[in-house]
Structures are given as C-alpha cells and as structure tokens.
Amino acid sequence: MLQDLGRAGEAEPLLRRALAINEQVHGPGHPDIAIRLSNLALVLRDLGRAADAEPLLGRALAINEQVHGPDHPAVAISLGNLATVLYDLGRYGEAEPLLGRVEDIRRRGKAS
C-alpha cells in the first residue's frame, strides 16, 4: 500500500474514491465499508490527522458490531484501531475500556 511506502498523502484520495464506490455498490452498512473506513482512517493517522480518523473508525466499529455482533474478531480490530487514535489524541480514559473489550473478545475467542 502507498502508505507503507511513505506515500500516505497519495493514498488518501484513492482510498476516499474506493470508499465512495463501495458505498454506492454495497450501501453504507456493508462490512467492506468498515474495511475501507479503517484503511482511510489509518492513512489519516499516519498523516498526523488523528482527529479526522476518529469518526471514521467509530463508524467502522458500528458497522462491524451490527454485522458481526459484539464479540467478533473484526470488532476487536476496530476497537484496537479506535483506541490507538484516542491515545494519539491524549484521550486515554476513553481508550482504556476499548482495549479491555479487545482483551475480552480475544479471551472468549480462545475459550471457544
């Protein structure tokens, strides 16, 4: 991916375009939309725009919870990504419970 090559600025418009296409094809609540939102948010974080990334990750989390349920690995990934951005923003008290949920999901997954 372009962000891995240090070209996150070039990746952003391409990811926005992919998101728009996926939303048009699948609708706003499809799991592919959560993936596109997360990818875009992580590029924005790499660009130092964590505040812009936060709502995208919140939306991705909501989609994953609705589609997969609260204990799915995709939800754990979304929670971890959102917690990372909240840490970047200095909002540690909001990030901590999200990380707790990640651990709970992982523990339950291992118990299955």
N, C-alpha and C. Protein backbone atom coordinates (compact mmCIF):
# COMPACT_ATOMS: atom_id res chain seq x y z
N MET A 1 0.84 -1.18 0.00
CA MET A 1 0.00 0.00 0.00
C MET A 1 0.88 1.23 0.00
N LEU A 2 0.38 2.31 -0.58
CA LEU A 2 1.17 3.55 -0.69
C LEU A 2 1.62 4.08 0.66
N GLN A 3 0.80 3.93 1.68
CA GLN A 3 1.20 4.45 2.99
C GLN A 3 2.43 3.71 3.51
N ASP A 4 2.56 2.43 3.17
CA ASP A 4 3.73 1.67 3.58
C ASP A 4 5.00 2.14 2.86
N LEU A 5 4.83 2.83 1.76
CA LEU A 5 5.96 3.36 1.00
C LEU A 5 6.25 4.81 1.37
N GLY A 6 5.61 5.29 2.42
CA GLY A 6 5.80 6.69 2.81
C GLY A 6 5.04 7.65 1.91
N ARG A 7 4.01 7.17 1.25
CA ARG A 7 3.25 7.99 0.31
C ARG A 7 1.77 8.05 0.72
N ALA A 8 1.55 8.23 2.02
CA ALA A 8 0.18 8.24 2.55
C ALA A 8 -0.65 9.35 1.94
N GLY A 9 -0.02 10.49 1.63
CA GLY A 9 -0.76 11.59 1.02
C GLY A 9 -1.35 11.22 -0.32
N GLU A 10 -0.67 10.36 -1.05
CA GLU A 10 -1.19 9.90 -2.34
C GLU A 10 -2.29 8.86 -2.14
N ALA A 11 -2.21 8.12 -1.05
CA ALA A 11 -3.19 7.07 -0.78
C ALA A 11 -4.55 7.64 -0.40
N GLU A 12 -4.55 8.76 0.29
CA GLU A 12 -5.82 9.29 0.81
C GLU A 12 -6.89 9.46 -0.27
N PRO A 13 -6.63 10.18 -1.38
CA PRO A 13 -7.71 10.35 -2.36
C PRO A 13 -8.14 9.03 -3.01
N LEU A 14 -7.21 8.11 -3.15
CA LEU A 14 -7.56 6.81 -3.73
C LEU A 14 -8.46 6.03 -2.78
N LEU A 15 -8.17 6.09 -1.50
CA LEU A 15 -9.00 5.41 -0.52
C LEU A 15 -10.38 6.05 -0.40
N ARG A 16 -10.42 7.36 -0.51
CA ARG A 16 -11.73 8.04 -0.48
C ARG A 16 -12.57 7.62 -1.69
N ARG A 17 -11.92 7.48 -2.83
CA ARG A 17 -12.63 7.05 -4.04
C ARG A 17 -13.13 5.61 -3.88
N ALA A 18 -12.28 4.73 -3.35
CA ALA A 18 -12.69 3.34 -3.13
C ALA A 18 -13.87 3.27 -2.15
N LEU A 19 -13.82 4.09 -1.10
CA LEU A 19 -14.92 4.13 -0.15
C LEU A 19 -16.21 4.56 -0.83
N ALA A 20 -16.15 5.61 -1.63
CA ALA A 20 -17.35 6.10 -2.31
C ALA A 20 -17.92 5.04 -3.26
N ILE A 21 -17.05 4.36 -3.98
CA ILE A 21 -17.51 3.31 -4.90
C ILE A 21 -18.17 2.19 -4.11
N ASN A 22 -17.52 1.74 -3.05
CA ASN A 22 -18.09 0.65 -2.24
C ASN A 22 -19.42 1.04 -1.62
N GLU A 23 -19.53 2.29 -1.16
CA GLU A 23 -20.81 2.74 -0.58
C GLU A 23 -21.90 2.74 -1.64
N GLN A 24 -21.55 3.12 -2.85
CA GLN A 24 -22.53 3.14 -3.94
C GLN A 24 -22.96 1.72 -4.31
N VAL A 25 -22.03 0.81 -4.34
CA VAL A 25 -22.31 -0.57 -4.74
C VAL A 25 -23.00 -1.35 -3.62
N HIS A 26 -22.48 -1.26 -2.40
CA HIS A 26 -22.94 -2.11 -1.30
C HIS A 26 -23.89 -1.44 -0.32
N GLY A 27 -23.91 -0.12 -0.28
CA GLY A 27 -24.68 0.58 0.74
C GLY A 27 -23.80 0.87 1.94
N PRO A 28 -24.27 1.73 2.85
CA PRO A 28 -23.43 2.24 3.93
C PRO A 28 -23.13 1.27 5.07
N GLY A 29 -23.85 0.15 5.18
CA GLY A 29 -23.66 -0.73 6.31
C GLY A 29 -22.97 -2.04 6.00
N HIS A 30 -22.39 -2.15 4.84
CA HIS A 30 -21.73 -3.39 4.41
C HIS A 30 -20.36 -3.54 5.09
N PRO A 31 -19.95 -4.76 5.40
CA PRO A 31 -18.65 -4.95 6.05
C PRO A 31 -17.46 -4.42 5.23
N ASP A 32 -17.58 -4.41 3.92
CA ASP A 32 -16.50 -3.84 3.10
C ASP A 32 -16.33 -2.34 3.37
N ILE A 33 -17.41 -1.69 3.74
CA ILE A 33 -17.33 -0.26 4.06
C ILE A 33 -16.50 -0.07 5.32
N ALA A 34 -16.67 -0.95 6.29
CA ALA A 34 -15.88 -0.86 7.52
C ALA A 34 -14.39 -1.00 7.21
N ILE A 35 -14.05 -1.88 6.30
CA ILE A 35 -12.64 -2.06 5.92
C ILE A 35 -12.11 -0.79 5.25
N ARG A 36 -12.88 -0.23 4.32
CA ARG A 36 -12.44 0.99 3.62
C ARG A 36 -12.31 2.16 4.60
N LEU A 37 -13.26 2.28 5.52
CA LEU A 37 -13.19 3.35 6.52
C LEU A 37 -11.94 3.21 7.38
N SER A 38 -11.66 2.00 7.80
CA SER A 38 -10.48 1.76 8.63
C SER A 38 -9.19 2.07 7.87
N ASN A 39 -9.11 1.63 6.63
CA ASN A 39 -7.91 1.90 5.84
C ASN A 39 -7.69 3.40 5.68
N LEU A 40 -8.76 4.13 5.36
CA LEU A 40 -8.65 5.58 5.22
C LEU A 40 -8.25 6.22 6.54
N ALA A 41 -8.86 5.78 7.62
CA ALA A 41 -8.55 6.35 8.93
C ALA A 41 -7.09 6.13 9.31
N LEU A 42 -6.56 4.97 9.01
CA LEU A 42 -5.16 4.70 9.36
C LEU A 42 -4.20 5.55 8.53
N VAL A 43 -4.57 5.84 7.29
CA VAL A 43 -3.76 6.76 6.48
C VAL A 43 -3.82 8.16 7.08
N LEU A 44 -5.01 8.60 7.46
CA LEU A 44 -5.14 9.92 8.08
C LEU A 44 -4.31 10.00 9.36
N ARG A 45 -4.31 8.94 10.14
CA ARG A 45 -3.48 8.90 11.35
C ARG A 45 -2.01 9.04 10.98
N ASP A 46 -1.58 8.32 9.96
CA ASP A 46 -0.19 8.41 9.50
C ASP A 46 0.16 9.82 9.05
N LEU A 47 -0.83 10.54 8.57
CA LEU A 47 -0.63 11.92 8.12
C LEU A 47 -0.73 12.92 9.27
N GLY A 48 -0.88 12.42 10.49
CA GLY A 48 -0.98 13.30 11.65
C GLY A 48 -2.36 13.88 11.85
N ARG A 49 -3.36 13.24 11.29
CA ARG A 49 -4.73 13.74 11.36
C ARG A 49 -5.62 12.77 12.14
N ALA A 50 -5.19 12.47 13.35
CA ALA A 50 -5.93 11.52 14.18
C ALA A 50 -7.36 11.99 14.45
N ALA A 51 -7.55 13.28 14.60
CA ALA A 51 -8.91 13.80 14.85
C ALA A 51 -9.84 13.51 13.68
N ASP A 52 -9.31 13.52 12.47
CA ASP A 52 -10.13 13.19 11.29
C ASP A 52 -10.37 11.68 11.19
N ALA A 53 -9.44 10.90 11.73
CA ALA A 53 -9.56 9.45 11.68
C ALA A 53 -10.60 8.92 12.66
N GLU A 54 -10.75 9.58 13.79
CA GLU A 54 -11.62 9.06 14.85
C GLU A 54 -13.05 8.77 14.40
N PRO A 55 -13.76 9.71 13.74
CA PRO A 55 -15.14 9.38 13.37
C PRO A 55 -15.25 8.25 12.35
N LEU A 56 -14.25 8.12 11.50
CA LEU A 56 -14.26 7.04 10.53
C LEU A 56 -14.14 5.69 11.23
N LEU A 57 -13.26 5.63 12.24
CA LEU A 57 -13.09 4.40 12.99
C LEU A 57 -14.31 4.10 13.84
N GLY A 58 -14.96 5.13 14.36
CA GLY A 58 -16.20 4.92 15.10
C GLY A 58 -17.28 4.34 14.21
N ARG A 59 -17.35 4.82 12.98
CA ARG A 59 -18.34 4.29 12.03
C ARG A 59 -18.00 2.85 11.65
N ALA A 60 -16.71 2.56 11.44
CA ALA A 60 -16.30 1.19 11.12
C ALA A 60 -16.66 0.24 12.26
N LEU A 61 -16.43 0.68 13.49
CA LEU A 61 -16.78 -0.13 14.65
C LEU A 61 -18.27 -0.41 14.69
N ALA A 62 -19.07 0.61 14.47
CA ALA A 62 -20.53 0.44 14.50
C ALA A 62 -20.99 -0.55 13.44
N ILE A 63 -20.42 -0.46 12.24
CA ILE A 63 -20.78 -1.41 11.18
C ILE A 63 -20.40 -2.83 11.59
N ASN A 64 -19.18 -3.00 12.07
CA ASN A 64 -18.73 -4.34 12.44
C ASN A 64 -19.56 -4.93 13.57
N GLU A 65 -19.92 -4.12 14.55
CA GLU A 65 -20.77 -4.62 15.64
C GLU A 65 -22.14 -5.02 15.13
N GLN A 66 -22.69 -4.23 14.22
CA GLN A 66 -24.02 -4.54 13.70
C GLN A 66 -23.99 -5.79 12.82
N VAL A 67 -22.99 -5.91 11.98
CA VAL A 67 -22.92 -7.02 11.03
C VAL A 67 -22.49 -8.32 11.72
N HIS A 68 -21.49 -8.24 12.59
CA HIS A 68 -20.86 -9.44 13.14
C HIS A 68 -21.25 -9.74 14.58
N GLY A 69 -21.79 -8.78 15.29
CA GLY A 69 -22.07 -8.96 16.71
C GLY A 69 -20.90 -8.44 17.54
N PRO A 70 -21.10 -8.29 18.85
CA PRO A 70 -20.12 -7.60 19.69
C PRO A 70 -18.84 -8.37 19.99
N ASP A 71 -18.80 -9.67 19.72
CA ASP A 71 -17.65 -10.49 20.12
C ASP A 71 -16.83 -11.01 18.94
N HIS A 72 -16.99 -10.44 17.79
CA HIS A 72 -16.31 -10.92 16.58
C HIS A 72 -14.89 -10.33 16.50
N PRO A 73 -13.95 -11.06 15.94
CA PRO A 73 -12.59 -10.54 15.77
C PRO A 73 -12.51 -9.22 14.99
N ALA A 74 -13.41 -9.01 14.03
CA ALA A 74 -13.42 -7.74 13.29
C ALA A 74 -13.74 -6.58 14.22
N VAL A 75 -14.58 -6.83 15.21
CA VAL A 75 -14.91 -5.80 16.20
C VAL A 75 -13.69 -5.50 17.06
N ALA A 76 -12.95 -6.54 17.42
CA ALA A 76 -11.73 -6.34 18.22
C ALA A 76 -10.72 -5.48 17.45
N ILE A 77 -10.59 -5.72 16.16
CA ILE A 77 -9.67 -4.92 15.35
C ILE A 77 -10.13 -3.46 15.32
N SER A 78 -11.42 -3.25 15.11
CA SER A 78 -11.95 -1.88 15.09
C SER A 78 -11.74 -1.19 16.44
N LEU A 79 -11.98 -1.91 17.51
CA LEU A 79 -11.78 -1.35 18.84
C LEU A 79 -10.32 -0.96 19.06
N GLY A 80 -9.41 -1.82 18.66
CA GLY A 80 -7.99 -1.54 18.81
C GLY A 80 -7.55 -0.34 18.00
N ASN A 81 -8.04 -0.25 16.77
CA ASN A 81 -7.70 0.91 15.93
C ASN A 81 -8.21 2.21 16.53
N LEU A 82 -9.46 2.17 17.01
CA LEU A 82 -10.04 3.37 17.62
C LEU A 82 -9.29 3.74 18.89
N ALA A 83 -8.94 2.76 19.70
CA ALA A 83 -8.20 3.03 20.93
C ALA A 83 -6.85 3.68 20.62
N THR A 84 -6.19 3.23 19.57
CA THR A 84 -4.90 3.80 19.19
C THR A 84 -5.05 5.27 18.83
N VAL A 85 -6.08 5.60 18.09
CA VAL A 85 -6.31 7.00 17.72
C VAL A 85 -6.66 7.83 18.94
N LEU A 86 -7.46 7.29 19.83
CA LEU A 86 -7.79 8.02 21.05
C LEU A 86 -6.55 8.28 21.89
N TYR A 87 -5.64 7.32 21.96
CA TYR A 87 -4.36 7.52 22.64
C TYR A 87 -3.58 8.65 21.96
N ASP A 88 -3.56 8.63 20.64
CA ASP A 88 -2.87 9.69 19.90
C ASP A 88 -3.43 11.07 20.25
N LEU A 89 -4.72 11.12 20.52
CA LEU A 89 -5.39 12.37 20.85
C LEU A 89 -5.30 12.71 22.34
N GLY A 90 -4.62 11.85 23.10
CA GLY A 90 -4.47 12.09 24.54
C GLY A 90 -5.70 11.76 25.34
N ARG A 91 -6.60 10.98 24.78
CA ARG A 91 -7.87 10.64 25.44
C ARG A 91 -7.77 9.22 26.01
N TYR A 92 -6.85 9.08 26.94
CA TYR A 92 -6.51 7.78 27.49
C TYR A 92 -7.69 7.12 28.21
N GLY A 93 -8.46 7.91 28.92
CA GLY A 93 -9.60 7.36 29.65
C GLY A 93 -10.65 6.75 28.75
N GLU A 94 -10.76 7.24 27.52
CA GLU A 94 -11.70 6.66 26.56
C GLU A 94 -11.11 5.44 25.87
N ALA A 95 -9.79 5.42 25.72
CA ALA A 95 -9.14 4.31 25.03
C ALA A 95 -9.07 3.06 25.90
N GLU A 96 -8.84 3.22 27.18
CA GLU A 96 -8.64 2.07 28.07
C GLU A 96 -9.79 1.06 28.03
N PRO A 97 -11.05 1.49 28.16
CA PRO A 97 -12.12 0.48 28.13
C PRO A 97 -12.23 -0.23 26.79
N LEU A 98 -11.87 0.45 25.72
CA LEU A 98 -11.91 -0.21 24.41
C LEU A 98 -10.89 -1.33 24.36
N LEU A 99 -9.70 -1.08 24.91
CA LEU A 99 -8.69 -2.12 24.95
C LEU A 99 -9.12 -3.28 25.85
N GLY A 100 -9.85 -2.96 26.91
CA GLY A 100 -10.40 -4.01 27.76
C GLY A 100 -11.37 -4.90 26.99
N ARG A 101 -12.18 -4.28 26.14
CA ARG A 101 -13.10 -5.06 25.31
C ARG A 101 -12.34 -5.95 24.33
N VAL A 102 -11.24 -5.42 23.77
CA VAL A 102 -10.42 -6.22 22.85
C VAL A 102 -9.95 -7.48 23.56
N GLU A 103 -9.43 -7.31 24.77
CA GLU A 103 -8.93 -8.46 25.53
C GLU A 103 -10.05 -9.45 25.84
N ASP A 104 -11.22 -8.94 26.19
CA ASP A 104 -12.36 -9.82 26.46
C ASP A 104 -12.74 -10.64 25.23
N ILE A 105 -12.77 -9.99 24.08
CA ILE A 105 -13.12 -10.69 22.83
C ILE A 105 -12.07 -11.76 22.53
N ARG A 106 -10.81 -11.41 22.69
CA ARG A 106 -9.74 -12.38 22.43
C ARG A 106 -9.82 -13.57 23.38
N ARG A 107 -10.09 -13.28 24.65
CA ARG A 107 -10.19 -14.36 25.64
C ARG A 107 -11.35 -15.29 25.29
N ARG A 108 -12.49 -14.72 24.96
CA ARG A 108 -13.66 -15.54 24.60
C ARG A 108 -13.38 -16.35 23.35
N GLY A 109 -12.64 -15.77 22.41
CA GLY A 109 -12.32 -16.49 21.18
C GLY A 109 -11.42 -17.69 21.43
N LYS A 110 -10.53 -17.56 22.39
CA LYS A 110 -9.63 -18.67 22.73
C LYS A 110 -10.37 -19.76 23.50
N ALA A 111 -11.42 -19.36 24.22
CA ALA A 111 -12.16 -20.32 25.02
C ALA A 111 -13.10 -21.19 24.15
N SER A 112 -13.39 -20.70 22.95
CA SER A 112 -14.32 -21.43 22.09
C SER A 112 -13.73 -22.69 21.52
